[in-house]
Amino acid sequence: MTAEKHAMSLDVDVIICDRTVMDNLMYYLNVIEQHVFMHEEYAKVIRRWWGLYDEAVRWMPTYDRVIRMPLNLEWLQADDPVRPKDEEYARWIDLLFDIYVQRYVTG
């Protein structure tokens, strides 16, 4: 969001982002849900997530277009040492996007 705010301060006609503020939140939520936290710690972390999510929801209207590409499981086979190859993980993240981000997709 900081980089997007900076770009908005420049005298440009178009800003193209390859991710929205929601993207990192989906992966963050996955990390939270996959780790076993003590009850107090989990509650603190998930409250923080919801605060960030609320901020992201308020930011989403700054995008004129949000385009979501369909899940492409063939990409999991690419020679990419950063991205996980786990199909179940990819489907889970895609489901999180269905739940939390799809409503903002415009094209």
Protein backbone atom coordinates (compact mmCIF):
# COMPACT_ATOMS: atom_id res chain seq x y z
CA MET A 1 0.00 0.00 0.00
CA THR A 2 2.89 2.34 0.72
CA ALA A 3 4.31 1.83 -2.78
CA GLU A 4 0.87 2.39 -4.27
CA LYS A 5 0.42 5.61 -2.29
CA HIS A 6 3.81 6.81 -3.52
CA ALA A 7 2.88 5.99 -7.12
CA MET A 8 -0.38 7.90 -6.70
CA SER A 9 1.57 10.97 -5.61
CA LEU A 10 3.38 11.05 -8.95
CA ASP A 11 1.97 12.86 -11.96
CA VAL A 12 1.01 9.75 -13.94
CA ASP A 13 -2.15 8.67 -15.73
CA VAL A 14 -2.02 4.95 -14.97
CA ILE A 15 -0.56 2.76 -12.24
CA ILE A 16 -0.46 -0.98 -12.81
CA CYS A 17 0.00 -3.34 -9.87
CA ASP A 18 0.49 -7.05 -10.27
CA ARG A 19 -1.00 -7.66 -6.81
CA THR A 20 -3.61 -5.98 -4.61
CA VAL A 21 -3.24 -5.27 -0.92
CA MET A 22 -5.35 -8.40 -0.38
CA ASP A 23 -2.77 -10.81 -1.82
CA ASN A 24 -0.38 -10.75 1.11
CA LEU A 25 -3.29 -11.05 3.52
CA MET A 26 -4.41 -14.34 1.97
CA TYR A 27 -0.96 -15.86 2.46
CA TYR A 28 -0.73 -14.36 5.95
CA LEU A 29 -4.08 -15.92 6.87
CA ASN A 30 -2.84 -19.26 5.61
CA VAL A 31 0.24 -19.00 7.84
CA ILE A 32 -1.94 -18.13 10.83
CA GLU A 33 -4.32 -21.04 10.20
CA GLN A 34 -1.53 -23.56 9.60
CA HIS A 35 0.34 -22.87 12.82
CA VAL A 36 -0.82 -24.01 16.20
CA PHE A 37 -0.82 -20.98 18.45
CA MET A 38 -1.61 -20.90 22.12
CA HIS A 39 -5.16 -19.53 22.46
CA GLU A 40 -4.09 -16.05 23.60
CA GLU A 41 -1.46 -15.73 20.88
CA TYR A 42 -3.85 -16.96 18.17
CA ALA A 43 -6.51 -14.48 19.24
CA LYS A 44 -4.00 -11.61 19.14
CA VAL A 45 -2.67 -12.56 15.70
CA ILE A 46 -6.08 -13.13 14.15
CA ARG A 47 -7.35 -9.80 15.54
CA ARG A 48 -4.34 -8.14 13.88
CA TRP A 49 -5.20 -9.90 10.61
CA TRP A 50 -8.80 -8.64 10.74
CA GLY A 51 -7.53 -5.10 11.36
CA LEU A 52 -5.29 -5.34 8.30
CA TYR A 53 -8.13 -6.88 6.31
CA ASP A 54 -10.44 -3.99 7.24
CA GLU A 55 -7.76 -1.54 6.09
CA ALA A 56 -7.38 -3.46 2.82
CA VAL A 57 -11.16 -3.44 2.27
CA ARG A 58 -11.12 0.35 2.60
CA TRP A 59 -8.24 0.50 0.10
CA MET A 60 -9.77 -1.75 -2.57
CA PRO A 61 -11.95 1.03 -4.09
CA THR A 62 -8.75 2.82 -5.15
CA TYR A 63 -8.37 0.20 -7.90
CA ASP A 64 -10.24 0.95 -11.12
CA ARG A 65 -9.88 -2.65 -12.25
CA VAL A 66 -9.13 -5.86 -10.40
CA ILE A 67 -8.45 -8.82 -12.66
CA ARG A 68 -8.10 -12.26 -11.17
CA MET A 69 -6.44 -14.93 -13.20
CA PRO A 70 -7.78 -18.48 -12.86
CA LEU A 71 -5.76 -21.01 -10.92
CA ASN A 72 -3.25 -22.58 -13.29
CA LEU A 73 -1.89 -25.78 -11.75
CA GLU A 74 0.56 -26.21 -14.64
CA TRP A 75 2.51 -23.26 -13.22
CA LEU A 76 3.31 -25.43 -10.21
CA GLN A 77 5.57 -27.47 -12.46
CA ALA A 78 7.67 -24.45 -13.46
CA ASP A 79 11.30 -24.39 -12.42
CA ASP A 80 10.76 -21.83 -9.65
CA PRO A 81 12.57 -22.38 -6.35
CA VAL A 82 10.36 -19.83 -4.54
CA ARG A 83 6.85 -21.07 -5.24
CA PRO A 84 5.57 -24.21 -3.53
CA LYS A 85 4.69 -27.16 -5.76
CA ASP A 86 1.86 -28.37 -3.51
CA GLU A 87 -1.42 -28.54 -5.46
CA GLU A 88 -3.52 -28.71 -2.28
CA TYR A 89 -1.84 -25.53 -1.01
CA ALA A 90 -2.50 -23.77 -4.32
CA ARG A 91 -6.17 -24.78 -4.18
CA TRP A 92 -6.44 -23.58 -0.56
CA ILE A 93 -4.98 -20.17 -1.38
CA ASP A 94 -7.31 -19.94 -4.39
CA LEU A 95 -10.25 -20.70 -2.07
CA LEU A 96 -9.17 -17.89 0.27
CA PHE A 97 -9.24 -15.56 -2.74
CA ASP A 98 -12.75 -16.83 -3.56
CA ILE A 99 -13.89 -16.01 -0.03
CA TYR A 100 -12.17 -12.70 0.64
CA VAL A 101 -11.19 -11.11 -2.69
CA GLN A 102 -13.54 -12.27 -5.46
CA ARG A 103 -16.15 -9.62 -4.59
CA TYR A 104 -13.66 -6.93 -5.68
CA VAL A 105 -12.88 -8.43 -9.08
CA THR A 106 -14.05 -6.16 -11.88
CA GLY A 107 -12.80 -7.95 -14.97
